[in-house]
């Protein structure tokens, strides 16, 4: 990040504004008079007093926090923070070491001055507050304003009220282990372009914030730009493991951006943004099957790219892969009779169909179109534990952790499992995890007959190698798989959403049960011509009713 000037800690006399009431604190004081550091003396100042265990004859206070406890703890923490006393503020938390480090860096590394913290009206132990400050670095200044919140809890060791420490208390974009730094950005900015050469911005495409951050992190140093001066969130180890990119909060001086061209279609991206905005937790991806180019990506939640990085059970959309496996092994055939009982027990688990329906003397095609779970579970005993994993890897290019799309992504997980968990994985539950990018790729593979790794930036831009699959489906299996997906789009659970889009199309719906959710996640994957798309609406219910219209609209737009 380059050299940064260390500044002397500033001690200001500005009062903390608490719930609209101004409380004046002397520079040499220890807080709000009676609300001085618990335990007193040097031990409290460095946080040791705050974490020491009570003497054996002291009782540990329990029960709900009083309003006075929440108020005084909040006052103590915010006032010490505002006045540049990080150790004192940290002593009012349940993790003084982590709090001291981040609060010290708030002025030393982030170069924030003239800090004003204003507490709002709390609910229970949670207190919202606003932050107003100035970023000042080598003669450059800019205002910073944002809202955050803290939660007061009882410390386990002594029952005293303290702030429950997380980095997000300091700034909502921080995860534990992240830091704030102002200086010459280590990575120059980039100007991301769509496939037509026009600039991509969050003003026009709100979902692309995480994508643009990822492009800068990947290509900023090689795209020909020059770094500016910024206040940035620098990700720690945990965030890096989760593939979260550094984030710019304030730009004090503009750098010279380099240029990165993407494969995004401005038309499809605009439609994708509008479609996900209609749902609370929706994500969608559109790809071109013949090449793997990503044409659109959108999420309702702009803070995390579920479409590329999500890890969710895909439910019955996984039956596309499982069907290819069963047909390959001659355990199913599109037009041959196949069992679909109300329930089927395997590995000690009793698996059900939706509303315990059954199809008597029906074909495998009918079971696929209606999404019969037991049609798949009934074949589990004839499979090896690793069969589904191998099929996903060797044919569909999934679950090998080797995709290189140009920004951070997750390429699915199909772990080897046994007994009931193996059976559950056949219907997209158990340990199977996917995201819309993965499932759009699955539909694309069926459409073309071979896997083309999706990408957002052409591999020619940086010479990276794209992932490949080791084999393709036989002509017979591929033909039957397409027949299954077309029949589902014509007459099955996807028919309503796909109405009017045929005849060169195919689709599969899915609903994935998730613990603690009242409604399942709704999935939908489909192809039409040289477009393939997949979407998920978390806690949406049946995929045909929720994600289906989003995907179908995009397939119709791209025709």
Protein backbone atom coordinates (compact mmCIF):
# COMPACT_ATOMS: atom_id res chain seq x y z
CA UNK A 1 0.00 0.00 0.00
CA UNK A 2 3.09 2.24 -0.06
CA UNK A 3 4.58 4.33 2.75
CA UNK A 4 2.14 6.05 5.04
CA UNK A 5 2.81 8.93 7.38
CA UNK A 6 2.33 8.13 11.05
CA UNK A 7 0.53 10.96 12.83
CA UNK A 8 0.48 11.80 16.49
CA UNK A 9 -2.75 10.78 18.19
CA UNK A 10 -5.03 13.82 18.34
CA UNK A 11 -6.85 14.53 21.59
CA UNK A 12 -9.78 16.82 20.92
CA UNK A 13 -12.24 18.40 23.26
CA UNK A 14 -15.28 18.02 21.02
CA UNK A 15 -18.11 16.41 22.98
CA UNK A 16 -19.75 13.18 21.92
CA UNK A 17 -23.36 13.82 20.94
CA UNK A 18 -25.47 11.15 22.61
CA UNK A 19 -29.14 10.75 21.76
CA UNK A 20 -29.30 14.42 20.87
CA UNK A 21 -27.81 15.53 24.23
CA UNK A 22 -24.34 17.09 24.24
CA UNK A 23 -22.11 15.86 27.04
CA UNK A 24 -18.89 17.82 27.56
CA UNK A 25 -15.84 15.86 28.69
CA UNK A 26 -12.57 17.38 29.84
CA UNK A 27 -9.50 16.28 27.90
CA UNK A 28 -7.82 14.92 31.00
CA UNK A 29 -10.92 13.18 32.31
CA UNK A 30 -11.76 9.51 32.13
CA UNK A 31 -15.23 9.66 30.64
CA UNK A 32 -18.53 10.90 31.99
CA UNK A 33 -17.55 11.45 35.62
CA UNK A 34 -19.12 8.52 37.42
CA UNK A 35 -18.83 6.46 34.27
CA UNK A 36 -15.07 6.28 34.58
CA UNK A 37 -13.23 3.08 33.70
CA UNK A 38 -14.44 0.10 35.68
CA UNK A 39 -11.82 -1.08 38.16
CA UNK A 40 -9.84 2.19 37.79
CA UNK A 41 -6.10 2.64 37.58
CA UNK A 42 -3.54 1.50 35.00
CA UNK A 43 -4.97 -2.02 34.70
CA UNK A 44 -8.24 -0.66 33.36
CA UNK A 45 -6.46 1.69 30.97
CA UNK A 46 -4.76 -1.13 29.06
CA UNK A 47 -7.82 -3.38 29.11
CA UNK A 48 -6.61 -5.83 31.75
CA UNK A 49 -9.01 -4.54 34.36
CA UNK A 50 -11.87 -4.97 31.89
CA UNK A 51 -11.22 -8.68 31.47
CA UNK A 52 -10.18 -9.70 34.95
CA UNK A 53 -12.39 -12.24 36.70
CA UNK A 54 -14.44 -11.14 39.72
CA UNK A 55 -13.23 -12.06 43.21
CA UNK A 56 -14.75 -15.25 44.63
CA UNK A 57 -17.02 -13.31 46.95
CA UNK A 58 -18.39 -11.06 44.17
CA UNK A 59 -21.61 -12.08 42.46
CA UNK A 60 -21.86 -12.09 38.67
CA UNK A 61 -24.76 -9.95 37.61
CA UNK A 62 -27.22 -11.62 35.26
CA UNK A 63 -30.55 -10.81 33.69
CA UNK A 64 -31.61 -8.25 31.09
CA UNK A 65 -29.68 -5.05 30.76
CA UNK A 66 -31.28 -1.92 32.15
CA UNK A 67 -31.74 1.17 30.00
CA UNK A 68 -29.25 2.98 32.21
CA UNK A 69 -26.61 0.27 31.68
CA UNK A 70 -27.02 0.45 27.91
CA UNK A 71 -26.90 4.26 27.93
CA UNK A 72 -23.82 4.65 30.14
CA UNK A 73 -21.89 1.90 28.35
CA UNK A 74 -22.68 3.51 25.00
CA UNK A 75 -21.67 6.95 26.30
CA UNK A 76 -18.41 5.64 27.68
CA UNK A 77 -17.43 3.83 24.49
CA UNK A 78 -18.43 6.55 22.00
CA UNK A 79 -16.93 9.39 24.04
CA UNK A 80 -13.58 7.68 24.42
CA UNK A 81 -13.51 6.78 20.74
CA UNK A 82 -14.43 10.30 19.65
CA UNK A 83 -11.78 11.87 21.88
CA UNK A 84 -8.97 9.69 20.54
CA UNK A 85 -8.61 7.37 23.53
CA UNK A 86 -8.69 3.93 21.88
CA UNK A 87 -7.53 1.94 24.93
CA UNK A 88 -10.26 3.48 27.05
CA UNK A 89 -12.91 2.80 24.42
CA UNK A 90 -11.63 -0.75 23.98
CA UNK A 91 -11.90 -1.35 27.73
CA UNK A 92 -15.65 -0.85 27.34
CA UNK A 93 -15.82 -3.86 24.99
CA UNK A 94 -15.54 -7.61 25.40
CA UNK A 95 -12.44 -7.81 23.16
CA UNK A 96 -10.08 -5.04 24.20
CA UNK A 97 -7.14 -6.27 22.10
CA UNK A 98 -9.01 -6.31 18.80
CA UNK A 99 -10.85 -3.09 19.62
CA UNK A 100 -7.64 -1.25 20.57
CA UNK A 101 -5.95 -2.25 17.33
CA UNK A 102 -8.79 -1.13 15.07
CA UNK A 103 -9.63 2.05 16.97
CA UNK A 104 -5.96 3.05 17.08
CA UNK A 105 -5.74 2.52 13.33
CA UNK A 106 -8.85 4.67 12.84
CA UNK A 107 -6.75 7.80 13.35
CA UNK A 108 -3.22 6.49 12.75
CA UNK A 109 -3.77 4.52 9.53
CA UNK A 110 -7.11 5.77 8.21
CA UNK A 111 -6.14 9.38 9.02
CA UNK A 112 -9.58 10.32 10.31
CA UNK A 113 -9.95 13.59 12.22
CA UNK A 114 -12.72 15.80 13.63
CA UNK A 115 -14.73 12.77 14.62
CA UNK A 116 -18.29 13.28 15.84
CA UNK A 117 -20.36 10.32 17.02
CA UNK A 118 -24.08 10.73 17.63
CA UNK A 119 -26.08 7.98 19.29
CA UNK A 120 -29.65 7.37 18.21
CA UNK A 121 -32.54 5.72 19.99
CA UNK A 122 -31.73 2.13 20.87
CA UNK A 123 -33.87 -0.98 21.02
CA UNK A 124 -32.93 -3.37 23.80
CA UNK A 125 -29.15 -3.56 23.82
CA UNK A 126 -28.70 -2.36 20.22
CA UNK A 127 -27.89 1.32 19.72
CA UNK A 128 -27.55 2.94 16.27
CA UNK A 129 -25.17 5.85 15.87
CA UNK A 130 -23.97 8.15 13.14
CA UNK A 131 -20.37 9.03 12.32
CA UNK A 132 -19.12 12.29 10.87
CA UNK A 133 -15.39 12.72 10.29
CA UNK A 134 -12.78 14.18 7.98
CA UNK A 135 -10.25 12.12 6.05
CA UNK A 136 -7.02 14.14 6.03
CA UNK A 137 -3.89 12.93 4.21
CA UNK A 138 -0.92 15.02 3.05
CA UNK A 139 -2.93 18.18 2.48
CA UNK A 140 -5.92 16.39 0.98
CA UNK A 141 -9.22 16.33 2.90
CA UNK A 142 -12.69 14.95 2.34
CA UNK A 143 -15.69 14.44 4.60
CA UNK A 144 -16.84 10.99 5.64
CA UNK A 145 -20.33 10.21 6.93
CA UNK A 146 -21.99 6.89 7.63
CA UNK A 147 -24.26 5.06 10.06
CA UNK A 148 -23.34 2.14 12.27
CA UNK A 149 -24.61 0.36 15.38
CA UNK A 150 -23.33 -1.30 18.54
CA UNK A 151 -24.83 -3.86 20.89
CA UNK A 152 -24.36 -3.85 24.65
CA UNK A 153 -24.16 -7.25 26.34
CA UNK A 154 -23.17 -8.63 29.72
CA UNK A 155 -19.57 -9.77 29.93
CA UNK A 156 -19.45 -13.47 30.74
CA UNK A 157 -16.77 -13.18 33.41
CA UNK A 158 -18.39 -10.57 35.65
CA UNK A 159 -21.77 -9.63 34.21
CA UNK A 160 -20.69 -6.02 33.57
CA UNK A 161 -22.31 -4.32 30.53
CA UNK A 162 -19.85 -3.98 27.62
CA UNK A 163 -20.00 -3.36 23.88
CA UNK A 164 -20.09 -6.66 21.97
CA UNK A 165 -17.03 -6.13 19.80
CA UNK A 166 -17.00 -6.69 16.07
CA UNK A 167 -15.16 -4.67 13.44
CA UNK A 168 -18.52 -3.71 11.92
CA UNK A 169 -19.09 -1.45 14.95
CA UNK A 170 -16.40 0.87 13.54
CA UNK A 171 -17.73 0.69 9.97
CA UNK A 172 -20.49 -1.53 8.57
CA UNK A 173 -18.33 -2.61 5.62
CA UNK A 174 -15.67 -4.07 7.93
CA UNK A 175 -15.51 -7.76 8.74
CA UNK A 176 -13.52 -9.01 11.73
CA UNK A 177 -9.83 -8.81 10.86
CA UNK A 178 -10.25 -6.06 8.25
CA UNK A 179 -8.62 -2.64 8.61
CA UNK A 180 -9.10 0.92 7.35
CA UNK A 181 -6.17 2.59 5.56
CA UNK A 182 -5.78 5.93 3.79
CA UNK A 183 -2.95 6.43 1.37
CA UNK A 184 -1.85 5.84 -2.17
CA UNK A 185 -3.96 2.89 -3.18
CA UNK A 186 -1.83 -0.14 -3.85
CA UNK A 187 -4.04 -1.00 -6.79
CA UNK A 188 -4.77 1.62 -9.47
CA UNK A 189 -8.41 2.11 -10.46
CA UNK A 190 -9.85 0.52 -13.56
CA UNK A 191 -12.53 1.61 -15.98
CA UNK A 192 -14.62 -1.47 -16.69
CA UNK A 193 -16.29 -1.58 -20.10
CA UNK A 194 -19.18 -3.65 -21.37
CA UNK A 195 -18.89 -5.73 -24.51
CA UNK A 196 -19.80 -2.65 -26.62
CA UNK A 197 -17.06 -0.49 -25.10
CA UNK A 198 -19.21 1.67 -22.81
CA UNK A 199 -18.28 2.22 -19.16
CA UNK A 200 -19.92 0.11 -16.47
CA UNK A 201 -20.81 2.02 -13.31
CA UNK A 202 -22.85 1.31 -10.22
CA UNK A 203 -24.96 4.35 -11.02
CA UNK A 204 -26.36 2.50 -14.03
CA UNK A 205 -25.91 -1.06 -12.74
CA UNK A 206 -26.16 -1.16 -8.92
CA UNK A 207 -25.39 -4.89 -8.72
CA UNK A 208 -21.93 -4.49 -10.18
CA UNK A 209 -20.22 -2.96 -7.12
CA UNK A 210 -18.61 -6.22 -6.02
CA UNK A 211 -17.78 -7.10 -9.62
CA UNK A 212 -16.03 -3.77 -10.21
CA UNK A 213 -14.09 -4.20 -6.96
CA UNK A 214 -13.01 -7.66 -8.12
CA UNK A 215 -11.93 -6.37 -11.53
CA UNK A 216 -9.82 -3.68 -9.93
CA UNK A 217 -8.15 -6.15 -7.58
CA UNK A 218 -7.39 -8.56 -10.42
CA UNK A 219 -6.40 -6.15 -13.20
CA UNK A 220 -5.61 -2.80 -11.55
CA UNK A 221 -1.85 -3.29 -11.57
CA UNK A 222 -1.71 -4.53 -15.16
CA UNK A 223 -4.35 -2.42 -16.93
CA UNK A 224 -2.13 0.65 -17.33
CA UNK A 225 -3.57 2.89 -14.61
CA UNK A 226 -1.99 5.02 -11.88
CA UNK A 227 -3.00 4.80 -8.22
CA UNK A 228 -4.85 7.64 -6.49
CA UNK A 229 -5.25 8.42 -2.77
CA UNK A 230 -8.12 6.67 -1.05
CA UNK A 231 -9.61 5.53 2.22
CA UNK A 232 -10.05 1.80 1.73
CA UNK A 233 -11.19 -1.30 3.54
CA UNK A 234 -8.24 -3.68 3.48
CA UNK A 235 -9.42 -7.25 3.88
CA UNK A 236 -7.99 -9.54 6.52
CA UNK A 237 -7.32 -13.26 6.27
CA UNK A 238 -10.91 -14.33 6.98
CA UNK A 239 -12.31 -11.97 4.35
CA UNK A 240 -9.68 -13.01 1.84
CA UNK A 241 -10.59 -16.64 2.44
CA UNK A 242 -14.20 -15.69 1.67
CA UNK A 243 -12.85 -13.99 -1.49
CA UNK A 244 -14.04 -10.52 -0.50
CA UNK A 245 -12.24 -7.72 -2.34
CA UNK A 246 -10.79 -4.54 -0.82
CA UNK A 247 -13.26 -1.67 -1.01
CA UNK A 248 -12.87 2.08 -1.59
CA UNK A 249 -14.83 4.25 0.87
CA UNK A 250 -13.53 7.74 0.01
CA UNK A 251 -11.47 8.92 -2.95
CA UNK A 252 -9.31 11.90 -1.99
CA UNK A 253 -7.59 12.18 -5.34
CA UNK A 254 -8.35 10.34 -8.52
CA UNK A 255 -5.88 7.97 -9.99
CA UNK A 256 -5.61 7.36 -13.70
CA UNK A 257 -7.71 4.30 -14.46
CA UNK A 258 -6.66 1.47 -16.70
CA UNK A 259 -9.22 -0.15 -18.97
CA UNK A 260 -10.71 -3.63 -18.69
CA UNK A 261 -13.26 -4.86 -21.22
CA UNK A 262 -15.83 -7.37 -20.00
CA UNK A 263 -18.27 -9.66 -21.78
CA UNK A 264 -21.36 -8.07 -20.20
CA UNK A 265 -24.26 -7.09 -22.45
CA UNK A 266 -25.63 -3.65 -21.51
CA UNK A 267 -29.14 -4.67 -22.59
CA UNK A 268 -29.23 -7.91 -20.61
CA UNK A 269 -27.49 -6.35 -17.61
CA UNK A 270 -30.10 -3.58 -17.42
CA UNK A 271 -32.94 -6.11 -17.55
CA UNK A 272 -31.25 -8.33 -14.95
CA UNK A 273 -30.97 -5.37 -12.56
CA UNK A 274 -34.67 -4.60 -12.90
CA UNK A 275 -35.70 -8.23 -12.45
CA UNK A 276 -33.78 -8.88 -9.23
CA UNK A 277 -34.98 -5.57 -7.78
CA UNK A 278 -38.50 -7.02 -7.73
CA UNK A 279 -37.47 -9.66 -5.16
CA UNK A 280 -35.93 -9.39 -1.70
CA UNK A 281 -33.07 -11.88 -2.18
CA UNK A 282 -32.68 -12.74 -5.85
CA UNK A 283 -29.61 -13.49 -7.97
CA UNK A 284 -29.27 -14.33 -11.66
CA UNK A 285 -26.59 -15.02 -14.30
CA UNK A 286 -26.81 -15.22 -18.10
CA UNK A 287 -24.11 -16.91 -20.20
CA UNK A 288 -23.53 -17.66 -23.87
CA UNK A 289 -23.32 -21.48 -24.15
CA UNK A 290 -21.19 -21.56 -27.30
CA UNK A 291 -18.36 -19.53 -25.73
CA UNK A 292 -18.88 -19.29 -21.95
CA UNK A 293 -19.11 -15.48 -22.03
CA UNK A 294 -21.03 -14.05 -19.07
CA UNK A 295 -23.61 -11.62 -20.43
CA UNK A 296 -25.32 -10.48 -17.20
CA UNK A 297 -25.01 -10.86 -13.43
CA UNK A 298 -27.27 -9.26 -10.84
CA UNK A 299 -28.12 -9.54 -7.14
CA UNK A 300 -30.71 -7.87 -4.96
CA UNK A 301 -28.09 -7.69 -2.21
CA UNK A 302 -25.32 -5.39 -3.43
CA UNK A 303 -22.98 -6.27 -0.56
CA UNK A 304 -22.23 -9.86 -1.59
CA UNK A 305 -22.14 -11.42 -5.04
CA UNK A 306 -24.31 -14.49 -4.45
CA UNK A 307 -24.59 -15.00 -8.20
CA UNK A 308 -20.83 -15.73 -8.50
CA UNK A 309 -19.74 -16.56 -4.95
CA UNK A 310 -22.82 -18.01 -3.30
CA UNK A 311 -22.74 -21.52 -1.86
CA UNK A 312 -26.32 -22.79 -1.70
CA UNK A 313 -28.03 -26.15 -2.05
CA UNK A 314 -29.40 -26.13 -5.63
CA UNK A 315 -32.36 -28.41 -4.96
CA UNK A 316 -33.94 -30.16 -7.92
CA UNK A 317 -31.94 -28.23 -10.55
CA UNK A 318 -29.20 -30.72 -9.59
CA UNK A 319 -31.36 -33.42 -11.17
CA UNK A 320 -30.00 -32.31 -14.55
CA UNK A 321 -26.58 -33.65 -13.56
CA UNK A 322 -28.03 -36.67 -11.75
CA UNK A 323 -30.18 -37.57 -14.76
CA UNK A 324 -27.16 -37.55 -17.03
CA UNK A 325 -25.50 -39.96 -14.59
CA UNK A 326 -28.49 -42.32 -14.40
CA UNK A 327 -28.87 -42.37 -18.19
CA UNK A 328 -25.13 -42.98 -18.64
CA UNK A 329 -25.35 -45.96 -16.29
CA UNK A 330 -28.53 -47.32 -17.91
CA UNK A 331 -30.47 -46.80 -14.70
CA UNK A 332 -32.97 -44.55 -16.44
CA UNK A 333 -34.16 -43.75 -19.94
CA UNK A 334 -36.32 -40.81 -20.96
CA UNK A 335 -39.26 -42.78 -22.37
CA UNK A 336 -39.02 -45.94 -20.30
CA UNK A 337 -41.08 -46.69 -17.20
CA UNK A 338 -39.48 -45.49 -13.98
CA UNK A 339 -40.60 -45.68 -10.34
CA UNK A 340 -41.96 -42.59 -8.61
CA UNK A 341 -43.47 -43.73 -5.28
CA UNK A 342 -44.79 -41.31 -2.64
CA UNK A 343 -41.80 -41.96 -0.38
CA UNK A 344 -38.56 -43.92 -0.44
CA UNK A 345 -36.31 -44.81 2.48
CA UNK A 346 -32.54 -44.96 2.05
CA UNK A 347 -29.75 -44.81 4.61
CA UNK A 348 -32.26 -44.49 7.42
CA UNK A 349 -33.92 -41.39 5.95
CA UNK A 350 -37.42 -41.34 4.54
CA UNK A 351 -37.51 -39.12 1.45
CA UNK A 352 -40.77 -37.54 0.26
CA UNK A 353 -42.12 -35.96 -2.90
CA UNK A 354 -43.82 -32.59 -2.72
CA UNK A 355 -47.19 -33.29 -1.05
CA UNK A 356 -46.31 -37.01 -1.26
CA UNK A 357 -47.46 -37.29 -4.87
CA UNK A 358 -46.73 -40.42 -6.89
CA UNK A 359 -46.67 -41.28 -10.59
CA UNK A 360 -47.92 -44.78 -11.29
CA UNK A 361 -46.52 -46.52 -14.36
CA UNK A 362 -44.94 -43.26 -15.52
CA UNK A 363 -41.82 -42.63 -17.54
CA UNK A 364 -38.56 -41.14 -16.31
CA UNK A 365 -39.37 -38.09 -18.45
CA UNK A 366 -42.60 -37.60 -16.52
CA UNK A 367 -40.75 -37.91 -13.19
CA UNK A 368 -38.14 -35.35 -14.27
CA UNK A 369 -40.76 -32.89 -15.52
CA UNK A 370 -42.73 -33.09 -12.29
CA UNK A 371 -39.55 -33.15 -10.17
CA UNK A 372 -40.16 -36.49 -8.48
CA UNK A 373 -37.57 -36.92 -5.72
CA UNK A 374 -38.11 -40.63 -5.19
CA UNK A 375 -37.39 -41.37 -8.86
CA UNK A 376 -33.80 -40.41 -8.07
CA UNK A 377 -33.50 -41.58 -4.46
CA UNK A 378 -34.67 -45.06 -5.52
CA UNK A 379 -31.51 -45.44 -7.62
CA UNK A 380 -29.05 -44.50 -4.86
CA UNK A 381 -28.31 -48.10 -3.93
CA UNK A 382 -27.10 -48.82 -7.47
CA UNK A 383 -24.51 -46.03 -7.43
CA UNK A 384 -21.03 -45.73 -5.96
CA UNK A 385 -20.52 -42.93 -3.46
CA UNK A 386 -18.22 -41.03 -5.82
CA UNK A 387 -20.31 -41.38 -9.00
CA UNK A 388 -22.12 -38.03 -8.76
CA UNK A 389 -18.90 -36.20 -7.88
CA UNK A 390 -17.13 -37.67 -10.91
CA UNK A 391 -20.04 -36.80 -13.21
CA UNK A 392 -20.10 -33.19 -12.01
CA UNK A 393 -16.35 -32.83 -12.45
CA UNK A 394 -15.70 -34.80 -15.62
CA UNK A 395 -18.72 -33.67 -17.67
CA UNK A 396 -19.85 -30.35 -16.20
CA UNK A 397 -16.48 -28.94 -15.03
CA UNK A 398 -17.72 -28.33 -11.49
CA UNK A 399 -16.30 -28.84 -8.01
CA UNK A 400 -12.60 -28.71 -8.90
CA UNK A 401 -11.84 -25.19 -7.62
CA UNK A 402 -10.16 -24.16 -10.87
CA UNK A 403 -12.47 -21.69 -12.61
CA UNK A 404 -10.81 -18.40 -13.59
CA UNK A 405 -13.61 -16.10 -14.71
CA UNK A 406 -11.77 -12.80 -14.09
CA UNK A 407 -13.20 -12.00 -10.64
CA UNK A 408 -13.64 -14.11 -7.49
CA UNK A 409 -16.09 -16.99 -7.94
CA UNK A 410 -17.08 -20.35 -6.48
CA UNK A 411 -17.28 -23.25 -8.93
CA UNK A 412 -19.58 -25.50 -6.93
CA UNK A 413 -19.09 -28.35 -4.50
CA UNK A 414 -20.23 -31.94 -5.01
CA UNK A 415 -18.42 -33.84 -2.24
CA UNK A 416 -18.25 -37.62 -2.04
CA UNK A 417 -20.85 -38.69 0.51
CA UNK A 418 -22.39 -41.92 1.71
CA UNK A 419 -25.68 -43.41 2.86
CA UNK A 420 -28.53 -40.92 3.25
CA UNK A 421 -26.33 -37.90 2.49
CA UNK A 422 -25.28 -39.42 -0.83
CA UNK A 423 -28.94 -40.01 -1.69
CA UNK A 424 -29.82 -36.44 -0.71
CA UNK A 425 -27.08 -35.09 -2.99
CA UNK A 426 -28.85 -36.69 -5.98
CA UNK A 427 -31.67 -34.17 -5.52
CA UNK A 428 -29.44 -31.19 -4.76
CA UNK A 429 -29.44 -31.39 -0.98
CA UNK A 430 -26.90 -32.98 1.38
CA UNK A 431 -23.49 -31.39 0.91
CA UNK A 432 -24.04 -30.17 -2.67
CA UNK A 433 -23.55 -26.41 -3.07
CA UNK A 434 -23.98 -24.21 -6.14
CA UNK A 435 -24.74 -20.66 -7.26
CA UNK A 436 -26.51 -19.20 -10.32
CA UNK A 437 -23.25 -19.03 -12.29
CA UNK A 438 -22.71 -22.78 -11.78
CA UNK A 439 -26.26 -23.71 -12.72
CA UNK A 440 -26.28 -21.44 -15.77
CA UNK A 441 -23.15 -23.30 -16.86
CA UNK A 442 -24.93 -26.64 -16.36
CA UNK A 443 -27.76 -25.55 -18.68
CA UNK A 444 -25.19 -24.24 -21.17
CA UNK A 445 -23.36 -27.59 -21.16
CA UNK A 446 -26.61 -29.39 -22.00
CA UNK A 447 -27.33 -26.87 -24.75
CA UNK A 448 -23.96 -27.26 -26.52
CA UNK A 449 -23.02 -30.77 -25.45
CA UNK A 450 -19.69 -29.72 -23.94
CA UNK A 451 -18.47 -27.63 -21.02
CA UNK A 452 -17.20 -24.10 -21.70
CA UNK A 453 -15.95 -22.43 -18.52
CA UNK A 454 -17.83 -19.15 -18.01
CA UNK A 455 -15.74 -15.98 -18.05
CA UNK A 456 -16.30 -12.25 -17.51
CA UNK A 457 -12.99 -11.11 -18.98
CA UNK A 458 -11.51 -12.79 -22.03
CA UNK A 459 -8.53 -15.02 -21.19
CA UNK A 460 -6.66 -13.22 -23.96
CA UNK A 461 -6.51 -10.16 -21.67
CA UNK A 462 -4.10 -11.80 -19.25
CA UNK A 463 -3.19 -15.18 -20.72
CA UNK A 464 -4.93 -17.19 -18.00
CA UNK A 465 -6.01 -20.77 -18.64
CA UNK A 466 -9.68 -21.65 -18.46
CA UNK A 467 -10.91 -24.83 -16.79
CA UNK A 468 -11.91 -27.78 -18.95
CA UNK A 469 -13.92 -30.97 -18.51
CA UNK A 470 -12.30 -34.31 -19.25
CA UNK A 471 -15.17 -35.81 -21.26
CA UNK A 472 -18.49 -35.12 -22.92
CA UNK A 473 -21.78 -36.97 -22.72
CA UNK A 474 -22.54 -39.67 -25.25
CA UNK A 475 -24.85 -38.66 -28.10
CA UNK A 476 -27.64 -40.82 -26.66
CA UNK A 477 -27.38 -39.38 -23.12
CA UNK A 478 -27.18 -35.82 -24.42
CA UNK A 479 -30.22 -36.31 -26.65
CA UNK A 480 -32.27 -37.72 -23.78
CA UNK A 481 -31.15 -35.00 -21.37
CA UNK A 482 -32.28 -32.32 -23.81
CA UNK A 483 -35.57 -34.17 -24.23
CA UNK A 484 -36.09 -34.14 -20.46
CA UNK A 485 -35.46 -30.40 -20.18
CA UNK A 486 -37.63 -29.57 -23.21
CA UNK A 487 -40.50 -31.68 -21.86
CA UNK A 488 -40.22 -29.83 -18.54
CA UNK A 489 -40.37 -26.49 -20.36
CA UNK A 490 -43.32 -27.67 -22.46
CA UNK A 491 -45.44 -29.52 -19.89
CA UNK A 492 -43.67 -29.70 -16.52
CA UNK A 493 -42.95 -27.43 -13.58
CA UNK A 494 -41.21 -24.87 -15.85
CA UNK A 495 -44.03 -24.60 -18.41
CA UNK A 496 -45.70 -21.46 -17.07
CA UNK A 497 -42.47 -19.45 -16.89
CA UNK A 498 -41.20 -20.69 -20.29
CA UNK A 499 -44.48 -20.21 -22.13
CA UNK A 500 -43.95 -18.81 -25.62
CA UNK A 501 -40.18 -19.28 -25.65
CA UNK A 502 -40.00 -22.60 -27.52
CA UNK A 503 -39.29 -24.71 -29.35
CA UNK A 504 -35.47 -24.52 -29.04
CA UNK A 505 -35.35 -24.52 -25.26
CA UNK A 506 -35.14 -26.52 -22.06
CA UNK A 507 -35.53 -25.87 -18.33
CA UNK A 508 -35.51 -27.31 -14.82
CA UNK A 509 -36.99 -25.94 -11.61
CA UNK A 510 -35.80 -26.49 -8.05
CA UNK A 511 -36.74 -25.86 -4.45
CA UNK A 512 -34.05 -26.32 -1.81
CA UNK A 513 -34.99 -26.78 1.82
CA UNK A 514 -32.81 -24.83 4.28
CA UNK A 515 -32.81 -25.28 8.04
CA UNK A 516 -34.53 -22.44 9.94
CA UNK A 517 -36.19 -21.07 6.78
CA UNK A 518 -39.97 -21.13 6.52
CA UNK A 519 -39.81 -21.22 2.73
CA UNK A 520 -37.30 -23.03 0.51
CA UNK A 521 -34.94 -21.29 -1.89
CA UNK A 522 -36.46 -21.24 -5.36
CA UNK A 523 -34.17 -22.17 -8.28
CA UNK A 524 -34.56 -22.13 -12.07
CA UNK A 525 -32.11 -22.98 -14.84
CA UNK A 526 -32.84 -22.90 -18.56
CA UNK A 527 -31.50 -22.36 -22.07
CA UNK A 528 -32.92 -20.91 -25.26
CA UNK A 529 -30.94 -20.69 -28.46
CA UNK A 530 -27.43 -19.50 -27.60
CA UNK A 531 -28.39 -18.21 -24.17
CA UNK A 532 -28.43 -20.02 -20.84
CA UNK A 533 -29.42 -18.57 -17.48
CA UNK A 534 -30.02 -19.55 -13.89
CA UNK A 535 -31.42 -17.76 -10.89
CA UNK A 536 -32.26 -18.25 -7.24
CA UNK A 537 -34.67 -16.43 -4.95
CA UNK A 538 -33.76 -17.18 -1.36
CA UNK A 539 -36.75 -18.03 0.82
CA UNK A 540 -38.87 -17.54 -2.28
CA UNK A 541 -40.65 -20.89 -2.47
CA UNK A 542 -41.08 -22.90 -5.66
CA UNK A 543 -38.54 -22.01 -8.33
CA UNK A 544 -41.02 -21.99 -11.18
CA UNK A 545 -42.97 -19.19 -9.51
CA UNK A 546 -40.05 -17.09 -8.22
CA UNK A 547 -36.77 -17.49 -10.10
CA UNK A 548 -38.53 -18.76 -13.25
CA UNK A 549 -39.99 -15.41 -14.40
CA UNK A 550 -36.61 -13.70 -13.88
CA UNK A 551 -34.75 -16.24 -16.02
CA UNK A 552 -37.48 -16.40 -18.68
CA UNK A 553 -37.54 -12.61 -19.05
CA UNK A 554 -33.81 -12.56 -19.72
CA UNK A 555 -34.02 -15.41 -22.24
CA UNK A 556 -36.82 -13.55 -24.01
CA UNK A 557 -34.85 -10.27 -24.01
CA UNK A 558 -31.77 -11.87 -25.50
CA UNK A 559 -33.58 -13.51 -28.40
